[in-house]
C-alpha atoms as a PDB file:
ATOM      1  CA  UNK A   1       3.753  -8.312   9.114  1.00  0.00           C
ATOM      2  CA  UNK A   2       1.723  -6.774   6.285  1.00  0.00           C
ATOM      3  CA  UNK A   3       2.538  -3.291   5.062  1.00  0.00           C
ATOM      4  CA  UNK A   4       0.054  -0.467   5.262  1.00  0.00           C
ATOM      5  CA  UNK A   5       1.020   0.583   1.725  1.00  0.00           C
ATOM      6  CA  UNK A   6       3.337  -0.995  -0.818  1.00  0.00           C
ATOM      7  CA  UNK A   7       3.747   0.634  -4.236  1.00  0.00           C
ATOM      8  CA  UNK A   8       5.768  -0.727  -7.140  1.00  0.00           C
ATOM      9  CA  UNK A   9       6.230   1.381 -10.278  1.00  0.00           C
ATOM     10  CA  UNK A  10       3.054   3.232  -9.337  1.00  0.00           C
ATOM     11  CA  UNK A  11       1.840   5.961 -11.662  1.00  0.00           C
ATOM     12  CA  UNK A  12      -1.318   7.903 -12.392  1.00  0.00           C
ATOM     13  CA  UNK A  13      -1.824  10.010 -15.497  1.00  0.00           C
ATOM     14  CA  UNK A  14      -4.488  12.621 -16.196  1.00  0.00           C
ATOM     15  CA  UNK A  15      -5.188  14.402 -19.474  1.00  0.00           C
ATOM     16  CA  UNK A  16      -2.840  17.191 -18.426  1.00  0.00           C
ATOM     17  CA  UNK A  17       0.022  14.797 -17.674  1.00  0.00           C
ATOM     18  CA  UNK A  18       1.441  12.541 -14.992  1.00  0.00           C
ATOM     19  CA  UNK A  19       0.388  13.362 -11.433  1.00  0.00           C
ATOM     20  CA  UNK A  20       2.426  10.512  -9.989  1.00  0.00           C
ATOM     21  CA  UNK A  21       5.016   8.259 -11.598  1.00  0.00           C
ATOM     22  CA  UNK A  22       7.646   5.596 -10.858  1.00  0.00           C
ATOM     23  CA  UNK A  23       6.726   5.361  -7.187  1.00  0.00           C
ATOM     24  CA  UNK A  24       8.336   2.507  -5.297  1.00  0.00           C
ATOM     25  CA  UNK A  25       7.624   2.836  -1.619  1.00  0.00           C
ATOM     26  CA  UNK A  26       6.595   0.815   1.437  1.00  0.00           C
ATOM     27  CA  UNK A  27       4.894   2.185   4.544  1.00  0.00           C
ATOM     28  CA  UNK A  28       5.062  -0.346   7.393  1.00  0.00           C
ATOM     29  CA  UNK A  29       1.873  -1.129   9.278  1.00  0.00           C
ATOM     30  CA  UNK A  30       1.301   0.590  12.589  1.00  0.00           C
ATOM     31  CA  UNK A  31       3.127   3.802  11.654  1.00  0.00           C
ATOM     32  CA  UNK A  32       1.988   7.422  11.515  1.00  0.00           C
ATOM     33  CA  UNK A  33       3.225   8.503   8.103  1.00  0.00           C
ATOM     34  CA  UNK A  34       3.365  12.125   7.008  1.00  0.00           C
ATOM     35  CA  UNK A  35       3.052  12.821   3.277  1.00  0.00           C
ATOM     36  CA  UNK A  36       4.572  16.209   2.535  1.00  0.00           C
ATOM     37  CA  UNK A  37       5.124  18.196  -0.644  1.00  0.00           C
ATOM     38  CA  UNK A  38       4.125  21.369  -2.501  1.00  0.00           C
ATOM     39  CA  UNK A  39       0.738  21.892  -4.127  1.00  0.00           C
ATOM     40  CA  UNK A  40       0.349  19.688  -7.165  1.00  0.00           C
ATOM     41  CA  UNK A  41       3.105  17.309  -6.065  1.00  0.00           C
ATOM     42  CA  UNK A  42       0.865  14.227  -6.182  1.00  0.00           C
ATOM     43  CA  UNK A  43      -0.009  13.807  -2.494  1.00  0.00           C
ATOM     44  CA  UNK A  44      -3.778  13.760  -2.990  1.00  0.00           C
ATOM     45  CA  UNK A  45      -3.445  11.408  -5.955  1.00  0.00           C
ATOM     46  CA  UNK A  46      -1.407   8.966  -3.858  1.00  0.00           C
ATOM     47  CA  UNK A  47      -4.003   8.945  -1.076  1.00  0.00           C
ATOM     48  CA  UNK A  48      -6.915   8.602  -3.513  1.00  0.00           C
ATOM     49  CA  UNK A  49      -5.163   5.635  -5.146  1.00  0.00           C
ATOM     50  CA  UNK A  50      -4.663   4.029  -1.741  1.00  0.00           C
ATOM     51  CA  UNK A  51      -8.349   4.584  -0.932  1.00  0.00           C
ATOM     52  CA  UNK A  52      -9.419   2.930  -4.185  1.00  0.00           C
ATOM     53  CA  UNK A  53     -10.989   6.153  -5.450  1.00  0.00           C
ATOM     54  CA  UNK A  54      -8.611   6.159  -8.418  1.00  0.00           C
ATOM     55  CA  UNK A  55      -7.021   3.334 -10.380  1.00  0.00           C
ATOM     56  CA  UNK A  56      -3.310   3.311 -11.325  1.00  0.00           C
ATOM     57  CA  UNK A  57      -2.299   4.068 -14.882  1.00  0.00           C
ATOM     58  CA  UNK A  58       0.772   1.920 -14.376  1.00  0.00           C
ATOM     59  CA  UNK A  59       2.326  -0.188 -11.622  1.00  0.00           C
ATOM     60  CA  UNK A  60       0.555  -1.615  -8.612  1.00  0.00           C
ATOM     61  CA  UNK A  61      -0.431  -0.600  -5.111  1.00  0.00           C
ATOM     62  CA  UNK A  62      -1.073  -3.007  -2.241  1.00  0.00           C
ATOM     63  CA  UNK A  63      -3.032  -1.805   0.779  1.00  0.00           C
ATOM     64  CA  UNK A  64      -2.940  -3.966   3.911  1.00  0.00           C
ATOM     65  CA  UNK A  65      -1.833  -6.878   1.746  1.00  0.00           C
ATOM     66  CA  UNK A  66      -4.631  -6.573  -0.848  1.00  0.00           C
ATOM     67  CA  UNK A  67      -4.932  -4.677  -4.112  1.00  0.00           C
ATOM     68  CA  UNK A  68      -6.041  -1.099  -3.520  1.00  0.00           C
ATOM     69  CA  UNK A  69      -9.807  -0.812  -3.911  1.00  0.00           C
ATOM     70  CA  UNK A  70     -10.479  -4.495  -3.156  1.00  0.00           C
ATOM     71  CA  UNK A  71     -13.936  -5.062  -1.594  1.00  0.00           C
ATOM     72  CA  UNK A  72     -12.446  -6.621   1.558  1.00  0.00           C
ATOM     73  CA  UNK A  73     -10.716  -3.320   2.349  1.00  0.00           C
ATOM     74  CA  UNK A  74     -13.937  -1.320   2.722  1.00  0.00           C
ATOM     75  CA  UNK A  75     -14.292  -2.162   6.391  1.00  0.00           C
ATOM     76  CA  UNK A  76     -10.574  -1.802   7.094  1.00  0.00           C
ATOM     77  CA  UNK A  77      -9.768   1.520   5.434  1.00  0.00           C
ATOM     78  CA  UNK A  78     -11.149   4.980   6.179  1.00  0.00           C
ATOM     79  CA  UNK A  79     -10.461   7.942   3.901  1.00  0.00           C
ATOM     80  CA  UNK A  80     -11.044  11.652   4.453  1.00  0.00           C
ATOM     81  CA  UNK A  81     -10.341  13.667   1.264  1.00  0.00           C
ATOM     82  CA  UNK A  82      -9.712  17.394   1.157  1.00  0.00           C
ATOM     83  CA  UNK A  83     -13.242  18.312   0.052  1.00  0.00           C
ATOM     84  CA  UNK A  84     -14.811  16.494   3.052  1.00  0.00           C
ATOM     85  CA  UNK A  85     -17.833  15.115   1.114  1.00  0.00           C
ATOM     86  CA  UNK A  86     -20.976  14.934   3.252  1.00  0.00           C
ATOM     87  CA  UNK A  87     -24.694  15.200   2.484  1.00  0.00           C
ATOM     88  CA  UNK A  88     -25.545  18.875   3.175  1.00  0.00           C
ATOM     89  CA  UNK A  89     -29.229  18.187   3.797  1.00  0.00           C
ATOM     90  CA  UNK A  90     -28.632  15.732   6.644  1.00  0.00           C
ATOM     91  CA  UNK A  91     -28.171  16.794  10.233  1.00  0.00           C
ATOM     92  CA  UNK A  92     -25.093  15.918  12.272  1.00  0.00           C
ATOM     93  CA  UNK A  93     -27.067  13.232  14.127  1.00  0.00           C
ATOM     94  CA  UNK A  94     -28.421  11.730  10.904  1.00  0.00           C
ATOM     95  CA  UNK A  95     -24.946  11.654   9.368  1.00  0.00           C
ATOM     96  CA  UNK A  96     -23.481   9.846  12.353  1.00  0.00           C
ATOM     97  CA  UNK A  97     -26.405   7.407  12.457  1.00  0.00           C
ATOM     98  CA  UNK A  98     -25.766   6.578   8.808  1.00  0.00           C
ATOM     99  CA  UNK A  99     -22.133   5.843   9.663  1.00  0.00           C
ATOM    100  CA  UNK A 100     -23.191   3.611  12.531  1.00  0.00           C
ATOM    101  CA  UNK A 101     -25.626   1.638  10.373  1.00  0.00           C
ATOM    102  CA  UNK A 102     -23.306   1.231   7.373  1.00  0.00           C
ATOM    103  CA  UNK A 103     -20.250  -0.021   9.253  1.00  0.00           C
ATOM    104  CA  UNK A 104     -20.050  -3.471  10.861  1.00  0.00           C
ATOM    105  CA  UNK A 105     -17.814  -2.100  13.652  1.00  0.00           C
ATOM    106  CA  UNK A 106     -18.557   1.213  15.333  1.00  0.00           C
ATOM    107  CA  UNK A 107     -17.229   3.014  18.416  1.00  0.00           C
ATOM    108  CA  UNK A 108     -20.081   5.294  19.452  1.00  0.00           C
ATOM    109  CA  UNK A 109     -18.261   6.579  22.534  1.00  0.00           C
ATOM    110  CA  UNK A 110     -15.282   7.756  20.450  1.00  0.00           C
ATOM    111  CA  UNK A 111     -17.572   9.397  17.886  1.00  0.00           C
ATOM    112  CA  UNK A 112     -19.499  11.298  20.521  1.00  0.00           C
ATOM    113  CA  UNK A 113     -16.304  12.489  22.188  1.00  0.00           C
ATOM    114  CA  UNK A 114     -15.023  13.956  18.902  1.00  0.00           C
ATOM    115  CA  UNK A 115     -18.354  15.680  18.201  1.00  0.00           C
ATOM    116  CA  UNK A 116     -18.795  16.997  21.743  1.00  0.00           C
ATOM    117  CA  UNK A 117     -15.276  18.477  21.774  1.00  0.00           C
ATOM    118  CA  UNK A 118     -16.424  20.674  18.895  1.00  0.00           C
ATOM    119  CA  UNK A 119     -19.678  21.589  20.654  1.00  0.00           C
ATOM    120  CA  UNK A 120     -21.681  20.558  17.591  1.00  0.00           C
ATOM    121  CA  UNK A 121     -25.454  20.655  17.787  1.00  0.00           C
ATOM    122  CA  UNK A 122     -26.745  17.237  16.603  1.00  0.00           C
ATOM    123  CA  UNK A 123     -29.731  18.933  14.963  1.00  0.00           C
ATOM    124  CA  UNK A 124     -27.645  21.268  12.787  1.00  0.00           C
ATOM    125  CA  UNK A 125     -27.627  20.468   9.083  1.00  0.00           C
ATOM    126  CA  UNK A 126     -24.259  19.670   7.534  1.00  0.00           C
ATOM    127  CA  UNK A 127     -24.697  22.440   4.969  1.00  0.00           C
ATOM    128  CA  UNK A 128     -24.775  25.013   7.773  1.00  0.00           C
ATOM    129  CA  UNK A 129     -21.509  23.921   9.373  1.00  0.00           C
ATOM    130  CA  UNK A 130     -18.205  25.712   8.993  1.00  0.00           C
ATOM    131  CA  UNK A 131     -15.315  24.032   7.221  1.00  0.00           C
ATOM    132  CA  UNK A 132     -13.701  23.078  10.511  1.00  0.00           C
ATOM    133  CA  UNK A 133     -16.954  21.621  11.856  1.00  0.00           C
ATOM    134  CA  UNK A 134     -17.418  19.502   8.727  1.00  0.00           C
ATOM    135  CA  UNK A 135     -13.865  18.258   9.171  1.00  0.00           C
ATOM    136  CA  UNK A 136     -14.690  17.184  12.712  1.00  0.00           C
ATOM    137  CA  UNK A 137     -17.754  15.242  11.522  1.00  0.00           C
ATOM    138  CA  UNK A 138     -15.699  13.542   8.791  1.00  0.00           C
ATOM    139  CA  UNK A 139     -13.005  12.527  11.256  1.00  0.00           C
ATOM    140  CA  UNK A 140     -15.663  11.214  13.637  1.00  0.00           C
ATOM    141  CA  UNK A 141     -17.064   9.034  10.822  1.00  0.00           C
ATOM    142  CA  UNK A 142     -13.603   7.827   9.841  1.00  0.00           C
ATOM    143  CA  UNK A 143     -12.396   7.021  13.354  1.00  0.00           C
ATOM    144  CA  UNK A 144     -15.753   5.602  14.439  1.00  0.00           C
ATOM    145  CA  UNK A 145     -15.420   2.602  12.114  1.00  0.00           C
ATOM    146  CA  UNK A 146     -12.149   1.648  13.867  1.00  0.00           C
ATOM    147  CA  UNK A 147     -10.162   1.229  10.646  1.00  0.00           C
ATOM    148  CA  UNK A 148      -6.859  -0.567  10.350  1.00  0.00           C
ATOM    149  CA  UNK A 149      -5.691   2.172   7.974  1.00  0.00           C
ATOM    150  CA  UNK A 150      -6.710   5.816   8.146  1.00  0.00           C
ATOM    151  CA  UNK A 151      -5.993   8.009   5.088  1.00  0.00           C
ATOM    152  CA  UNK A 152      -6.258  11.744   5.738  1.00  0.00           C
ATOM    153  CA  UNK A 153      -5.730  14.388   3.048  1.00  0.00           C
ATOM    154  CA  UNK A 154      -4.956  17.760   4.663  1.00  0.00           C
ATOM    155  CA  UNK A 155      -7.215  16.985   7.640  1.00  0.00           C
ATOM    156  CA  UNK A 156      -6.151  19.915   9.822  1.00  0.00           C
ATOM    157  CA  UNK A 157      -6.070  22.698   7.222  1.00  0.00           C
ATOM    158  CA  UNK A 158      -9.323  24.406   8.300  1.00  0.00           C
ATOM    159  CA  UNK A 159      -9.158  23.701  12.036  1.00  0.00           C
ATOM    160  CA  UNK A 160      -8.246  26.185  14.738  1.00  0.00           C
ATOM    161  CA  UNK A 161      -5.173  25.438  16.909  1.00  0.00           C
ATOM    162  CA  UNK A 162      -7.188  23.943  19.778  1.00  0.00           C
ATOM    163  CA  UNK A 163      -9.128  21.630  17.465  1.00  0.00           C
ATOM    164  CA  UNK A 164      -5.884  20.555  15.787  1.00  0.00           C
ATOM    165  CA  UNK A 165      -4.371  19.719  19.157  1.00  0.00           C
ATOM    166  CA  UNK A 166      -7.446  17.755  20.255  1.00  0.00           C
ATOM    167  CA  UNK A 167      -7.813  15.766  17.054  1.00  0.00           C
ATOM    168  CA  UNK A 168      -4.100  15.086  16.691  1.00  0.00           C
ATOM    169  CA  UNK A 169      -4.174  13.666  20.205  1.00  0.00           C
ATOM    170  CA  UNK A 170      -7.112  11.467  19.218  1.00  0.00           C
ATOM    171  CA  UNK A 171      -5.217  10.212  16.165  1.00  0.00           C
ATOM    172  CA  UNK A 172      -2.135   9.382  18.204  1.00  0.00           C
ATOM    173  CA  UNK A 173      -4.274   7.557  20.768  1.00  0.00           C
ATOM    174  CA  UNK A 174      -5.840   5.463  17.999  1.00  0.00           C
ATOM    175  CA  UNK A 175      -2.410   4.556  16.688  1.00  0.00           C
ATOM    176  CA  UNK A 176      -1.115   3.666  20.152  1.00  0.00           C
ATOM    177  CA  UNK A 177      -4.150   1.792  21.476  1.00  0.00           C
ATOM    178  CA  UNK A 178      -5.288  -0.117  18.389  1.00  0.00           C
ATOM    179  CA  UNK A 179      -2.195  -0.100  16.185  1.00  0.00           C
ATOM    180  CA  UNK A 180      -4.011   1.906  13.520  1.00  0.00           C
ATOM    181  CA  UNK A 181      -1.834   2.824  10.545  1.00  0.00           C
ATOM    182  CA  UNK A 182      -2.250   6.511   9.669  1.00  0.00           C
ATOM    183  CA  UNK A 183      -1.159   8.212   6.457  1.00  0.00           C
ATOM    184  CA  UNK A 184      -1.819  11.944   6.434  1.00  0.00           C
ATOM    185  CA  UNK A 185      -0.787  14.724   4.109  1.00  0.00           C
ATOM    186  CA  UNK A 186      -0.225  18.186   5.479  1.00  0.00           C
ATOM    187  CA  UNK A 187       1.150  21.625   4.623  1.00  0.00           C
ATOM    188  CA  UNK A 188       1.399  22.496   8.323  1.00  0.00           C
ATOM    189  CA  UNK A 189       4.922  21.283   8.997  1.00  0.00           C
ATOM    190  CA  UNK A 190       5.068  22.152  12.736  1.00  0.00           C
ATOM    191  CA  UNK A 191       1.915  20.068  13.302  1.00  0.00           C
ATOM    192  CA  UNK A 192       3.746  16.957  12.082  1.00  0.00           C
ATOM    193  CA  UNK A 193       6.741  17.373  14.373  1.00  0.00           C
ATOM    194  CA  UNK A 194       6.509  14.963  17.288  1.00  0.00           C
ATOM    195  CA  UNK A 195       3.562  13.167  15.669  1.00  0.00           C
ATOM    196  CA  UNK A 196       4.780  11.260  12.608  1.00  0.00           C
ATOM    197  CA  UNK A 197       7.357   8.486  12.738  1.00  0.00           C
ATOM    198  CA  UNK A 198       7.542   7.797   8.988  1.00  0.00           C
ATOM    199  CA  UNK A 199       7.995  10.265   6.143  1.00  0.00           C
ATOM    200  CA  UNK A 200       7.136  10.496   2.458  1.00  0.00           C
ATOM    201  CA  UNK A 201       8.290  13.611   0.631  1.00  0.00           C
ATOM    202  CA  UNK A 202       6.551  13.934  -2.739  1.00  0.00           C
ATOM    203  CA  UNK A 203       7.740  16.437  -5.324  1.00  0.00           C
ATOM    204  CA  UNK A 204       7.049  16.646  -9.024  1.00  0.00           C
ATOM    205  CA  UNK A 205       4.946  13.488  -8.921  1.00  0.00           C
ATOM    206  CA  UNK A 206       7.777  11.352  -7.549  1.00  0.00           C
ATOM    207  CA  UNK A 207       8.818  10.115  -4.141  1.00  0.00           C
ATOM    208  CA  UNK A 208      11.859  12.127  -3.121  1.00  0.00           C
ATOM    209  CA  UNK A 209      12.373  10.889   0.442  1.00  0.00           C
ATOM    210  CA  UNK A 210      10.844   7.872   2.135  1.00  0.00           C
ATOM    211  CA  UNK A 211      11.589   6.002   5.308  1.00  0.00           C
ATOM    212  CA  UNK A 212      11.747   6.009   9.071  1.00  0.00           C
ATOM    213  CA  UNK A 213      11.821   9.629  10.208  1.00  0.00           C
ATOM    214  CA  UNK A 214      14.556   9.210  12.815  1.00  0.00           C
ATOM    215  CA  UNK A 215      16.810   7.403  10.354  1.00  0.00           C
ATOM    216  CA  UNK A 216      16.291  10.134   7.753  1.00  0.00           C
ATOM    217  CA  UNK A 217      17.068  12.901  10.252  1.00  0.00           C
ATOM    218  CA  UNK A 218      20.133  11.034  11.529  1.00  0.00           C
ATOM    219  CA  UNK A 219      21.389  10.803   7.942  1.00  0.00           C
ATOM    220  CA  UNK A 220      21.475  14.594   7.477  1.00  0.00           C
ATOM    221  CA  UNK A 221      23.348  17.508   9.025  1.00  0.00           C
ATOM    222  CA  UNK A 222      22.499  21.201   9.101  1.00  0.00           C
ATOM    223  CA  UNK A 223      25.702  23.194   8.724  1.00  0.00           C
ATOM    224  CA  UNK A 224      26.380  26.867   9.361  1.00  0.00           C
ATOM    225  CA  UNK A 225      29.663  28.600   8.689  1.00  0.00           C
ATOM    226  CA  UNK A 226      31.310  31.648   7.142  1.00  0.00           C
ATOM    227  CA  UNK A 227      30.322  32.500   3.600  1.00  0.00           C
ATOM    228  CA  UNK A 228      33.107  32.674   1.056  1.00  0.00           C
ATOM    229  CA  UNK A 229      36.009  30.600  -0.107  1.00  0.00           C
ATOM    230  CA  UNK A 230      37.136  27.793   2.100  1.00  0.00           C
ATOM    231  CA  UNK A 231      33.711  26.590   3.168  1.00  0.00           C
ATOM    232  CA  UNK A 232      34.062  23.251   1.396  1.00  0.00           C
ATOM    233  CA  UNK A 233      31.286  20.698   1.633  1.00  0.00           C
ATOM    234  CA  UNK A 234      31.482  16.929   1.065  1.00  0.00           C
ATOM    235  CA  UNK A 235      31.289  15.939  -2.603  1.00  0.00           C
ATOM    236  CA  UNK A 236      27.820  15.030  -3.840  1.00  0.00           C
ATOM    237  CA  UNK A 237      26.131  15.471  -0.477  1.00  0.00           C
ATOM    238  CA  UNK A 238      24.557  18.918  -0.727  1.00  0.00           C
ATOM    239  CA  UNK A 239      20.774  19.040  -0.651  1.00  0.00           C
ATOM    240  CA  UNK A 240      20.385  22.810  -0.347  1.00  0.00           C
ATOM    241  CA  UNK A 241      22.655  25.744   0.394  1.00  0.00           C
ATOM    242  CA  UNK A 242      22.101  29.446   0.882  1.00  0.00           C
ATOM    243  CA  UNK A 243      23.773  32.523   2.304  1.00  0.00           C
ATOM    244  CA  UNK A 244      22.192  34.664   5.009  1.00  0.00           C
ATOM    245  CA  UNK A 245      24.220  37.763   5.756  1.00  0.00           C
ATOM    246  CA  UNK A 246      27.757  36.614   6.403  1.00  0.00           C
ATOM    247  CA  UNK A 247      26.762  33.052   7.217  1.00  0.00           C
ATOM    248  CA  UNK A 248      26.411  30.119   4.874  1.00  0.00           C
ATOM    249  CA  UNK A 249      23.763  27.503   5.669  1.00  0.00           C
ATOM    250  CA  UNK A 250      23.711  24.070   4.092  1.00  0.00           C
ATOM    251  CA  UNK A 251      21.682  20.890   4.457  1.00  0.00           C
ATOM    252  CA  UNK A 252      23.809  17.870   3.564  1.00  0.00           C
ATOM    253  CA  UNK A 253      23.291  14.132   3.406  1.00  0.00           C
ATOM    254  CA  UNK A 254      25.817  12.684   5.820  1.00  0.00           C
ATOM    255  CA  UNK A 255      26.026  11.223   9.307  1.00  0.00           C
ATOM    256  CA  UNK A 256      29.784  11.838   9.507  1.00  0.00           C
ATOM    257  CA  UNK A 257      31.675  14.873  10.859  1.00  0.00           C
ATOM    258  CA  UNK A 258      32.267  17.589   8.274  1.00  0.00           C
ATOM    259  CA  UNK A 259      35.702  19.204   8.013  1.00  0.00           C
ATOM    260  CA  UNK A 260      36.107  22.950   7.904  1.00  0.00           C
ATOM    261  CA  UNK A 261      34.721  25.925   9.813  1.00  0.00           C
ATOM    262  CA  UNK A 262      31.248  24.428  10.183  1.00  0.00           C
ATOM    263  CA  UNK A 263      28.882  24.277  13.113  1.00  0.00           C
ATOM    264  CA  UNK A 264      27.003  21.013  12.644  1.00  0.00           C
ATOM    265  CA  UNK A 265      23.711  19.834  14.107  1.00  0.00           C
ATOM    266  CA  UNK A 266      20.982  17.337  13.388  1.00  0.00           C
ATOM    267  CA  UNK A 267      18.249  19.119  11.426  1.00  0.00           C
ATOM    268  CA  UNK A 268      14.736  19.493  12.731  1.00  0.00           C
ATOM    269  CA  UNK A 269      11.892  18.076  10.662  1.00  0.00           C
ATOM    270  CA  UNK A 270      11.079  21.570   9.422  1.00  0.00           C
ATOM    271  CA  UNK A 271      14.732  22.264   8.517  1.00  0.00           C
ATOM    272  CA  UNK A 272      14.872  19.005   6.579  1.00  0.00           C
ATOM    273  CA  UNK A 273      11.654  19.478   4.647  1.00  0.00           C
ATOM    274  CA  UNK A 274      12.180  23.142   3.808  1.00  0.00           C
ATOM    275  CA  UNK A 275      15.702  22.362   2.636  1.00  0.00           C
ATOM    276  CA  UNK A 276      14.435  19.770   0.181  1.00  0.00           C
ATOM    277  CA  UNK A 277      11.434  21.794  -0.916  1.00  0.00           C
ATOM    278  CA  UNK A 278      13.526  24.891  -1.630  1.00  0.00           C
ATOM    279  CA  UNK A 279      15.846  22.868  -3.866  1.00  0.00           C
ATOM    280  CA  UNK A 280      14.657  21.669  -7.282  1.00  0.00           C
ATOM    281  CA  UNK A 281      14.702  17.926  -7.863  1.00  0.00           C
ATOM    282  CA  UNK A 282      17.336  16.222  -9.989  1.00  0.00           C
ATOM    283  CA  UNK A 283      16.228  12.791 -11.288  1.00  0.00           C
ATOM    284  CA  UNK A 284      19.851  11.844 -12.093  1.00  0.00           C
ATOM    285  CA  UNK A 285      20.887  11.757  -8.432  1.00  0.00           C
ATOM    286  CA  UNK A 286      20.493   8.161  -7.138  1.00  0.00           C
ATOM    287  CA  UNK A 287      20.419   9.237  -3.485  1.00  0.00           C
ATOM    288  CA  UNK A 288      17.952  12.046  -3.843  1.00  0.00           C
ATOM    289  CA  UNK A 289      16.227  13.633  -6.785  1.00  0.00           C
ATOM    290  CA  UNK A 290      18.219  16.785  -6.125  1.00  0.00           C
ATOM    291  CA  UNK A 291      21.945  17.520  -6.321  1.00  0.00           C
ATOM    292  CA  UNK A 292      22.855  20.807  -7.984  1.00  0.00           C
ATOM    293  CA  UNK A 293      26.570  20.029  -7.977  1.00  0.00           C
ATOM    294  CA  UNK A 294      28.940  17.767  -9.851  1.00  0.00           C
ATOM    295  CA  UNK A 295      29.329  14.731  -7.550  1.00  0.00           C
ATOM    296  CA  UNK A 296      33.013  14.475  -8.498  1.00  0.00           C
ATOM    297  CA  UNK A 297      33.951  17.963  -7.263  1.00  0.00           C
ATOM    298  CA  UNK A 298      33.860  19.506  -3.785  1.00  0.00           C
ATOM    299  CA  UNK A 299      31.273  22.205  -3.245  1.00  0.00           C
ATOM    300  CA  UNK A 300      32.211  25.689  -2.114  1.00  0.00           C
ATOM    301  CA  UNK A 301      29.662  28.045  -0.570  1.00  0.00           C
ATOM    302  CA  UNK A 302      30.345  31.560  -1.740  1.00  0.00           C
ATOM    303  CA  UNK A 303      28.672  34.856  -1.038  1.00  0.00           C
END
C-alpha cells in the first residue's frame, strides 16, 4: 500500500534560516493525520511542500508514491492553505463552476451540501464573504474534486463551533467512505480529539513525535503525586514536569507501572501535546527531542 506522505531527510530553507530540517516521516494512506506545533514550527512549510507549492532544499518527499509536485498528482491532491486564495471578483456560483470545469472528477451533490450548510448566497462575490464563509467555499472546492489526499492548513481557525462540527463530520465521512487520506494542521487541540488517528508533532522545524495516535498515547503516562523528595521518576523518561500547589505532575514516556506515590493514567491527546509543547526540545535525546534530565540519574520532582 502506498503512503500518503513519505519524507526522507526533508528540509526547506528560507533566507531567514531553516523552516524544516532532517524530517524522516511516513504517513500511511487512509489515515486522518493531525499536524500540531507552535507558530513558526514548520507545519505550513511541510504542507506546502507536500502540495508541490514549495520545493525541498534538501532531502525528498513522496506523495502518494510520486515526487511531490508531480503533474500526475494534480487530480489526486487537494490543498487548502491558511490564506484561502480565491478570486475576490467572482461570485460563489462562478467559483464553484470553475472548480467543476477544471477537475476531471467532481461531486456536485457534496459541494452543494457544504455550501448550503453555510447558507451562502450563490450570487455573493467572494470578496464580500467573511473569513469563515471563504473557508467553506475552499473546502467545497477541495472536497468536490474527490481527492485521494486532502491537505488542510488550519482549516477550522475562522469557523464558528457549529461550522467546525459540520465540516469535521464531512471530512470524517470522506475518509470513511472513500478512504481519503487527510493531513490537517490545527491549533485547536480539542477539535482533533476523536478525529485524528495519526499524529505529527512539529517543533523547531523538526518532527518531534510521529506515529499512530493510540500507540503514542499508550506509550506515555500522566503521573500525579506529592511534590518534594521521594517522588522519583524513571531515568530518562521525563517529557515534562511541573508542580501545582502541593501536587507534582509529570508526563513520562513509559507503558510500565511507575514505582512510588504516583497516581498514573493514560494521557489525553491534549495532555500529551501540551506536555511536549511546554517542554523545550533536546536534539540529543534519541527517543524525543526533549529530555531535561541526565538519562543516567533518576529524576526527583521537588517543590
